[in-house]
Amino acid sequence: MANYDYTVVTAQGDVRITTTSHHSEHDSINKWISAHRPTINATLAAKRVQVLAVYSDHSKK
């Protein structure tokens, strides 16, 4: 099973996420963000996080 690396850019700071599910397995990037929002919020210790961009780091390899 492959690992996929992402950088989520937020107003509060950047979050790096490694997951076994590719973002295309979700119907949209918004659904991918929703699925990973608990991790994003916990990493930043925030209840609400404004996501500005998502970069797929695995496409750079």
C-alpha atoms as a PDB file:
ATOM      1  CA  MET A   1       0.000   0.000   0.000  1.00  0.00           C
ATOM      2  CA  ALA A   2       1.379   3.379  -0.994  1.00  0.00           C
ATOM      3  CA  ASN A   3       1.772   6.398   1.240  1.00  0.00           C
ATOM      4  CA  TYR A   4       0.785   9.836  -0.029  1.00  0.00           C
ATOM      5  CA  ASP A   5       2.227  13.030   1.436  1.00  0.00           C
ATOM      6  CA  TYR A   6       0.339  16.306   1.532  1.00  0.00           C
ATOM      7  CA  THR A   7       0.991  19.781   2.849  1.00  0.00           C
ATOM      8  CA  VAL A   8      -2.105  21.623   4.003  1.00  0.00           C
ATOM      9  CA  VAL A   9      -1.522  25.374   4.084  1.00  0.00           C
ATOM     10  CA  THR A  10      -3.699  27.149   6.631  1.00  0.00           C
ATOM     11  CA  ALA A  11      -3.942  30.632   8.068  1.00  0.00           C
ATOM     12  CA  GLN A  12      -2.614  29.160  11.340  1.00  0.00           C
ATOM     13  CA  GLY A  13       0.357  27.305   9.821  1.00  0.00           C
ATOM     14  CA  ASP A  14       1.216  24.390   7.563  1.00  0.00           C
ATOM     15  CA  VAL A  15       0.309  20.786   8.363  1.00  0.00           C
ATOM     16  CA  ARG A  16       1.996  17.774   6.773  1.00  0.00           C
ATOM     17  CA  ILE A  17      -0.163  14.684   6.394  1.00  0.00           C
ATOM     18  CA  THR A  18       0.865  11.213   5.272  1.00  0.00           C
ATOM     19  CA  THR A  19      -2.026   8.940   4.387  1.00  0.00           C
ATOM     20  CA  THR A  20      -2.635   5.686   2.572  1.00  0.00           C
ATOM     21  CA  SER A  21      -5.640   7.095   0.715  1.00  0.00           C
ATOM     22  CA  HIS A  22      -5.042   9.244  -2.348  1.00  0.00           C
ATOM     23  CA  HIS A  23      -7.104  12.435  -2.527  1.00  0.00           C
ATOM     24  CA  SER A  24      -8.776  11.164  -5.723  1.00  0.00           C
ATOM     25  CA  GLU A  25     -10.461   8.439  -3.639  1.00  0.00           C
ATOM     26  CA  HIS A  26     -12.647  11.221  -2.232  1.00  0.00           C
ATOM     27  CA  ASP A  27     -15.122  12.815  -4.637  1.00  0.00           C
ATOM     28  CA  SER A  28     -13.555  16.247  -4.203  1.00  0.00           C
ATOM     29  CA  ILE A  29     -10.682  17.960  -2.449  1.00  0.00           C
ATOM     30  CA  ASN A  30     -13.236  19.457  -0.051  1.00  0.00           C
ATOM     31  CA  LYS A  31     -14.262  15.942   1.019  1.00  0.00           C
ATOM     32  CA  TRP A  32     -10.587  15.021   1.443  1.00  0.00           C
ATOM     33  CA  ILE A  33     -10.120  18.074   3.674  1.00  0.00           C
ATOM     34  CA  SER A  34     -13.231  17.162   5.671  1.00  0.00           C
ATOM     35  CA  ALA A  35     -11.959  13.612   6.176  1.00  0.00           C
ATOM     36  CA  HIS A  36      -8.621  14.932   7.473  1.00  0.00           C
ATOM     37  CA  ARG A  37      -9.931  17.954   9.373  1.00  0.00           C
ATOM     38  CA  PRO A  38      -9.607  16.253  12.797  1.00  0.00           C
ATOM     39  CA  THR A  39      -5.892  15.698  12.126  1.00  0.00           C
ATOM     40  CA  ILE A  40      -5.428  19.230  10.807  1.00  0.00           C
ATOM     41  CA  ASN A  41      -7.210  20.811  13.781  1.00  0.00           C
ATOM     42  CA  ALA A  42      -5.422  18.613  16.326  1.00  0.00           C
ATOM     43  CA  THR A  43      -2.008  19.355  14.834  1.00  0.00           C
ATOM     44  CA  LEU A  44      -2.648  23.077  15.124  1.00  0.00           C
ATOM     45  CA  ALA A  45      -4.469  22.747  18.463  1.00  0.00           C
ATOM     46  CA  ALA A  46      -7.363  24.739  17.037  1.00  0.00           C
ATOM     47  CA  LYS A  47     -11.108  24.196  16.830  1.00  0.00           C
ATOM     48  CA  ARG A  48     -11.446  26.100  13.574  1.00  0.00           C
ATOM     49  CA  VAL A  49      -8.843  26.201  10.830  1.00  0.00           C
ATOM     50  CA  GLN A  50      -8.997  28.103   7.556  1.00  0.00           C
ATOM     51  CA  VAL A  51      -7.503  25.912   4.821  1.00  0.00           C
ATOM     52  CA  LEU A  52      -5.901  28.013   2.090  1.00  0.00           C
ATOM     53  CA  ALA A  53      -4.340  25.311  -0.124  1.00  0.00           C
ATOM     54  CA  VAL A  54      -3.449  21.634  -0.318  1.00  0.00           C
ATOM     55  CA  TYR A  55      -0.301  20.442  -2.066  1.00  0.00           C
ATOM     56  CA  SER A  56       0.374  16.832  -2.944  1.00  0.00           C
ATOM     57  CA  ASP A  57       4.034  16.360  -2.059  1.00  0.00           C
ATOM     58  CA  HIS A  58       4.092  12.908  -3.685  1.00  0.00           C
ATOM     59  CA  SER A  59       3.724  14.500  -7.134  1.00  0.00           C
ATOM     60  CA  LYS A  60       7.169  16.119  -6.679  1.00  0.00           C
ATOM     61  CA  LYS A  61       8.965  12.754  -6.418  1.00  0.00           C
END
